[in-house]
Amino acid sequence: MRFTTEQRYPNEPDAVAAAYAQPALYGSFHGLTKLTQPEVLEHEADGDRVVLHIRYRFAGHLSPAAQAVLDPARLSWVEQSVHRLDERTTSFTMVPDHYGDRFSCTGGYRFEATSGGTVRRGEGDLTVRALLVGRAVEGAIVSGLREHLEEETPLVVDYLSGSSSA
């Protein structure tokens, strides 16, 4: 399933792109309804290129269709991302801790200037291989991703204003 996302920030694009490349940002992600606190596993900076590996664990509710093929207790993955700060882009691959034979997701983000600050445009490809319910599960995952990004946006704004508790 091809998907797109969009988030808006009142901050400059270079600042938003740089924030997403900082481990401290993920430490400020408290109180999310769909995910537990992200765990930064690797951070490697080399000039304008930053590599991050971050583990996420699902903490929300799964639809009956999704529960037919996925155990919520085993829904964790590592997002492997490469941030190109000079280009204001990020590419990512989600590597599941379980269900690697049934799940794949890759994509990227662009940080673009707008009159009000920044828009972060995302696009990706998600595949869930499960007989009969694969498309429904893909739809549920993309819906959950969009909800998560809505929750994440004010946390990023707080982080950039220095008012996060991280």
C-alpha atoms as a PDB file:
ATOM      1  CA  MET A   1       0.000   0.000   0.000  1.00  0.00           C
ATOM      2  CA  ARG A   2       1.401   3.354  -1.012  1.00  0.00           C
ATOM      3  CA  PHE A   3       0.771   6.054   1.602  1.00  0.00           C
ATOM      4  CA  THR A   4       1.457   9.734   2.205  1.00  0.00           C
ATOM      5  CA  THR A   5       1.572  11.856   5.364  1.00  0.00           C
ATOM      6  CA  GLU A   6       1.837  15.551   6.103  1.00  0.00           C
ATOM      7  CA  GLN A   7       2.742  17.446   9.269  1.00  0.00           C
ATOM      8  CA  ARG A   8       2.997  21.208   9.788  1.00  0.00           C
ATOM      9  CA  TYR A   9       5.322  23.030  12.176  1.00  0.00           C
ATOM     10  CA  PRO A  10       5.642  26.754  12.962  1.00  0.00           C
ATOM     11  CA  ASN A  11       9.443  26.343  12.913  1.00  0.00           C
ATOM     12  CA  GLU A  12      12.004  26.732  10.139  1.00  0.00           C
ATOM     13  CA  PRO A  13      12.652  23.593   8.020  1.00  0.00           C
ATOM     14  CA  ASP A  14      16.348  23.322   8.927  1.00  0.00           C
ATOM     15  CA  ALA A  15      15.450  23.307  12.639  1.00  0.00           C
ATOM     16  CA  VAL A  16      12.721  20.677  12.215  1.00  0.00           C
ATOM     17  CA  ALA A  17      14.925  18.438  10.056  1.00  0.00           C
ATOM     18  CA  ALA A  18      17.783  18.756  12.565  1.00  0.00           C
ATOM     19  CA  ALA A  19      15.485  17.946  15.496  1.00  0.00           C
ATOM     20  CA  TYR A  20      14.456  14.638  13.916  1.00  0.00           C
ATOM     21  CA  ALA A  21      18.150  13.723  13.667  1.00  0.00           C
ATOM     22  CA  GLN A  22      18.728  14.223  17.430  1.00  0.00           C
ATOM     23  CA  PRO A  23      18.314  11.335  19.908  1.00  0.00           C
ATOM     24  CA  ALA A  24      17.058  13.776  22.577  1.00  0.00           C
ATOM     25  CA  LEU A  25      13.905  14.450  20.525  1.00  0.00           C
ATOM     26  CA  TYR A  26      12.782  10.838  20.910  1.00  0.00           C
ATOM     27  CA  GLY A  27      13.348  11.028  24.654  1.00  0.00           C
ATOM     28  CA  SER A  28      10.706  13.770  24.734  1.00  0.00           C
ATOM     29  CA  PHE A  29       8.030  11.520  23.196  1.00  0.00           C
ATOM     30  CA  HIS A  30       6.033  10.869  26.376  1.00  0.00           C
ATOM     31  CA  GLY A  31       2.345   9.963  26.649  1.00  0.00           C
ATOM     32  CA  LEU A  32       1.776   8.607  23.156  1.00  0.00           C
ATOM     33  CA  THR A  33      -1.391   6.524  22.863  1.00  0.00           C
ATOM     34  CA  LYS A  34      -0.213   4.120  20.144  1.00  0.00           C
ATOM     35  CA  LEU A  35       3.462   3.630  21.006  1.00  0.00           C
ATOM     36  CA  THR A  36       5.661   3.255  24.055  1.00  0.00           C
ATOM     37  CA  GLN A  37       8.670   5.509  24.629  1.00  0.00           C
ATOM     38  CA  PRO A  38      10.993   5.126  21.595  1.00  0.00           C
ATOM     39  CA  GLU A  39      14.417   3.647  22.319  1.00  0.00           C
ATOM     40  CA  VAL A  40      17.392   5.073  20.413  1.00  0.00           C
ATOM     41  CA  LEU A  41      19.700   2.153  19.617  1.00  0.00           C
ATOM     42  CA  GLU A  42      22.205   3.874  17.356  1.00  0.00           C
ATOM     43  CA  HIS A  43      23.106   7.449  16.458  1.00  0.00           C
ATOM     44  CA  GLU A  44      25.931   8.168  14.040  1.00  0.00           C
ATOM     45  CA  ALA A  45      26.586  11.683  12.767  1.00  0.00           C
ATOM     46  CA  ASP A  46      28.990  12.462   9.943  1.00  0.00           C
ATOM     47  CA  GLY A  47      28.642  16.061   8.820  1.00  0.00           C
ATOM     48  CA  ASP A  48      25.207  16.557   7.243  1.00  0.00           C
ATOM     49  CA  ARG A  49      24.479  12.814   7.262  1.00  0.00           C
ATOM     50  CA  VAL A  50      22.957  11.245  10.385  1.00  0.00           C
ATOM     51  CA  VAL A  51      22.002   7.593  10.849  1.00  0.00           C
ATOM     52  CA  LEU A  52      19.502   6.646  13.552  1.00  0.00           C
ATOM     53  CA  HIS A  53      18.157   3.267  14.617  1.00  0.00           C
ATOM     54  CA  ILE A  54      15.149   3.615  16.904  1.00  0.00           C
ATOM     55  CA  ARG A  55      13.049   0.831  18.401  1.00  0.00           C
ATOM     56  CA  TYR A  56       9.313   1.380  18.634  1.00  0.00           C
ATOM     57  CA  ARG A  57       6.773  -0.809  20.424  1.00  0.00           C
ATOM     58  CA  PHE A  58       3.067  -0.767  19.689  1.00  0.00           C
ATOM     59  CA  ALA A  59       0.890   0.111  22.690  1.00  0.00           C
ATOM     60  CA  GLY A  60      -2.503   0.785  21.110  1.00  0.00           C
ATOM     61  CA  HIS A  61      -5.547  -1.294  20.287  1.00  0.00           C
ATOM     62  CA  LEU A  62      -5.566  -3.584  17.257  1.00  0.00           C
ATOM     63  CA  SER A  63      -8.661  -4.204  15.201  1.00  0.00           C
ATOM     64  CA  PRO A  64      -9.986  -7.779  15.099  1.00  0.00           C
ATOM     65  CA  ALA A  65      -8.697  -8.071  11.505  1.00  0.00           C
ATOM     66  CA  ALA A  66      -5.184  -7.145  12.606  1.00  0.00           C
ATOM     67  CA  GLN A  67      -5.339  -9.406  15.677  1.00  0.00           C
ATOM     68  CA  ALA A  68      -6.128 -12.311  13.380  1.00  0.00           C
ATOM     69  CA  VAL A  69      -2.552 -12.182  12.084  1.00  0.00           C
ATOM     70  CA  LEU A  70      -0.578 -10.122  14.629  1.00  0.00           C
ATOM     71  CA  ASP A  71       0.032 -10.530  18.357  1.00  0.00           C
ATOM     72  CA  PRO A  72       0.043  -7.004  19.867  1.00  0.00           C
ATOM     73  CA  ALA A  73       2.718  -8.060  22.376  1.00  0.00           C
ATOM     74  CA  ARG A  74       5.075  -8.840  19.481  1.00  0.00           C
ATOM     75  CA  LEU A  75       4.598  -5.596  17.566  1.00  0.00           C
ATOM     76  CA  SER A  76       7.957  -3.895  17.778  1.00  0.00           C
ATOM     77  CA  TRP A  77      10.312  -2.717  15.085  1.00  0.00           C
ATOM     78  CA  VAL A  78      13.467  -0.751  14.480  1.00  0.00           C
ATOM     79  CA  GLU A  79      13.221   2.270  12.259  1.00  0.00           C
ATOM     80  CA  GLN A  80      16.532   2.627  10.455  1.00  0.00           C
ATOM     81  CA  SER A  81      16.772   6.147   9.068  1.00  0.00           C
ATOM     82  CA  VAL A  82      19.285   8.229   7.166  1.00  0.00           C
ATOM     83  CA  HIS A  83      18.911  11.992   7.593  1.00  0.00           C
ATOM     84  CA  ARG A  84      20.444  14.264   4.957  1.00  0.00           C
ATOM     85  CA  LEU A  85      20.399  17.610   6.744  1.00  0.00           C
ATOM     86  CA  ASP A  86      21.804  19.554   3.759  1.00  0.00           C
ATOM     87  CA  GLU A  87      18.939  18.224   1.597  1.00  0.00           C
ATOM     88  CA  ARG A  88      16.331  18.286   4.406  1.00  0.00           C
ATOM     89  CA  THR A  89      15.353  14.686   3.642  1.00  0.00           C
ATOM     90  CA  THR A  90      15.087  11.436   5.570  1.00  0.00           C
ATOM     91  CA  SER A  91      14.835   7.913   4.191  1.00  0.00           C
ATOM     92  CA  PHE A  92      13.724   5.033   6.392  1.00  0.00           C
ATOM     93  CA  THR A  93      13.200   1.299   6.558  1.00  0.00           C
ATOM     94  CA  MET A  94      11.159  -0.327   9.294  1.00  0.00           C
ATOM     95  CA  VAL A  95      12.639  -3.666  10.329  1.00  0.00           C
ATOM     96  CA  PRO A  96      10.223  -5.731  12.426  1.00  0.00           C
ATOM     97  CA  ASP A  97      11.506  -7.625  15.458  1.00  0.00           C
ATOM     98  CA  HIS A  98       8.886 -10.276  14.620  1.00  0.00           C
ATOM     99  CA  TYR A  99       6.837 -11.001  11.510  1.00  0.00           C
ATOM    100  CA  GLY A 100       9.710 -10.128   9.178  1.00  0.00           C
ATOM    101  CA  ASP A 101       8.338 -12.557   6.617  1.00  0.00           C
ATOM    102  CA  ARG A 102       4.969 -10.743   6.598  1.00  0.00           C
ATOM    103  CA  PHE A 103       5.786  -7.056   6.952  1.00  0.00           C
ATOM    104  CA  SER A 104       7.862  -4.519   5.063  1.00  0.00           C
ATOM    105  CA  CYS A 105       7.851  -0.737   5.057  1.00  0.00           C
ATOM    106  CA  THR A 106      10.156   1.825   3.451  1.00  0.00           C
ATOM    107  CA  GLY A 107       9.776   5.502   2.733  1.00  0.00           C
ATOM    108  CA  GLY A 108      11.012   8.992   3.275  1.00  0.00           C
ATOM    109  CA  TYR A 109      10.288  12.542   4.384  1.00  0.00           C
ATOM    110  CA  ARG A 110      10.983  15.978   2.913  1.00  0.00           C
ATOM    111  CA  PHE A 111      11.054  19.129   5.055  1.00  0.00           C
ATOM    112  CA  GLU A 112       9.745  22.051   2.975  1.00  0.00           C
ATOM    113  CA  ALA A 113       9.495  25.756   3.792  1.00  0.00           C
ATOM    114  CA  THR A 114       6.009  27.263   3.912  1.00  0.00           C
ATOM    115  CA  SER A 115       4.804  30.763   4.750  1.00  0.00           C
ATOM    116  CA  GLY A 116       3.937  29.491   8.240  1.00  0.00           C
ATOM    117  CA  GLY A 117       7.091  27.457   8.884  1.00  0.00           C
ATOM    118  CA  THR A 118       7.583  23.874   7.689  1.00  0.00           C
ATOM    119  CA  VAL A 119       5.611  21.076   6.145  1.00  0.00           C
ATOM    120  CA  ARG A 120       7.029  17.574   6.552  1.00  0.00           C
ATOM    121  CA  ARG A 121       5.785  15.434   3.656  1.00  0.00           C
ATOM    122  CA  GLY A 122       6.128  11.703   3.954  1.00  0.00           C
ATOM    123  CA  GLU A 123       5.560   8.872   1.553  1.00  0.00           C
ATOM    124  CA  GLY A 124       6.144   5.197   1.773  1.00  0.00           C
ATOM    125  CA  ASP A 125       5.289   1.668   0.786  1.00  0.00           C
ATOM    126  CA  LEU A 126       3.849  -0.757   3.317  1.00  0.00           C
ATOM    127  CA  THR A 127       3.179  -4.429   2.662  1.00  0.00           C
ATOM    128  CA  VAL A 128       1.514  -6.919   4.988  1.00  0.00           C
ATOM    129  CA  ARG A 129       1.430 -10.442   3.630  1.00  0.00           C
ATOM    130  CA  ALA A 130      -1.574 -12.132   5.216  1.00  0.00           C
ATOM    131  CA  LEU A 131      -4.220 -14.118   3.376  1.00  0.00           C
ATOM    132  CA  LEU A 132      -7.561 -12.301   3.131  1.00  0.00           C
ATOM    133  CA  VAL A 133      -6.816  -9.608   5.737  1.00  0.00           C
ATOM    134  CA  GLY A 134      -3.510  -8.144   4.459  1.00  0.00           C
ATOM    135  CA  ARG A 135      -5.063  -5.009   2.931  1.00  0.00           C
ATOM    136  CA  ALA A 136      -7.219  -4.381   6.014  1.00  0.00           C
ATOM    137  CA  VAL A 137      -4.172  -4.664   8.256  1.00  0.00           C
ATOM    138  CA  GLU A 138      -2.192  -2.314   5.990  1.00  0.00           C
ATOM    139  CA  GLY A 139      -5.018   0.215   6.208  1.00  0.00           C
ATOM    140  CA  ALA A 140      -5.122  -0.070   9.996  1.00  0.00           C
ATOM    141  CA  ILE A 141      -1.350   0.414  10.265  1.00  0.00           C
ATOM    142  CA  VAL A 142      -1.360   3.488   8.003  1.00  0.00           C
ATOM    143  CA  SER A 143      -4.289   4.955   9.941  1.00  0.00           C
ATOM    144  CA  GLY A 144      -2.411   4.364  13.208  1.00  0.00           C
ATOM    145  CA  LEU A 145       0.743   5.922  11.741  1.00  0.00           C
ATOM    146  CA  ARG A 146      -1.159   9.080  10.795  1.00  0.00           C
ATOM    147  CA  GLU A 147      -2.691   9.282  14.289  1.00  0.00           C
ATOM    148  CA  HIS A 148       0.764   8.855  15.835  1.00  0.00           C
ATOM    149  CA  LEU A 149       2.215  11.638  13.670  1.00  0.00           C
ATOM    150  CA  GLU A 150      -0.609  13.971  14.775  1.00  0.00           C
ATOM    151  CA  GLU A 151       0.324  13.263  18.419  1.00  0.00           C
ATOM    152  CA  GLU A 152       4.030  13.658  17.679  1.00  0.00           C
ATOM    153  CA  THR A 153       3.786  17.088  16.039  1.00  0.00           C
ATOM    154  CA  PRO A 154       3.165  19.193  19.198  1.00  0.00           C
ATOM    155  CA  LEU A 155       5.918  17.263  20.998  1.00  0.00           C
ATOM    156  CA  VAL A 156       8.372  18.293  18.276  1.00  0.00           C
ATOM    157  CA  VAL A 157       7.204  21.916  18.531  1.00  0.00           C
ATOM    158  CA  ASP A 158       7.677  21.786  22.333  1.00  0.00           C
ATOM    159  CA  TYR A 159      11.126  20.254  21.893  1.00  0.00           C
ATOM    160  CA  LEU A 160      12.147  23.008  19.488  1.00  0.00           C
ATOM    161  CA  SER A 161      10.863  25.707  21.855  1.00  0.00           C
ATOM    162  CA  GLY A 162      12.898  24.180  24.681  1.00  0.00           C
ATOM    163  CA  SER A 163       9.807  23.440  26.772  1.00  0.00           C
ATOM    164  CA  SER A 164      10.033  19.627  26.589  1.00  0.00           C
ATOM    165  CA  SER A 165      10.803  17.774  29.793  1.00  0.00           C
ATOM    166  CA  ALA A 166      13.495  15.634  28.160  1.00  0.00           C
END
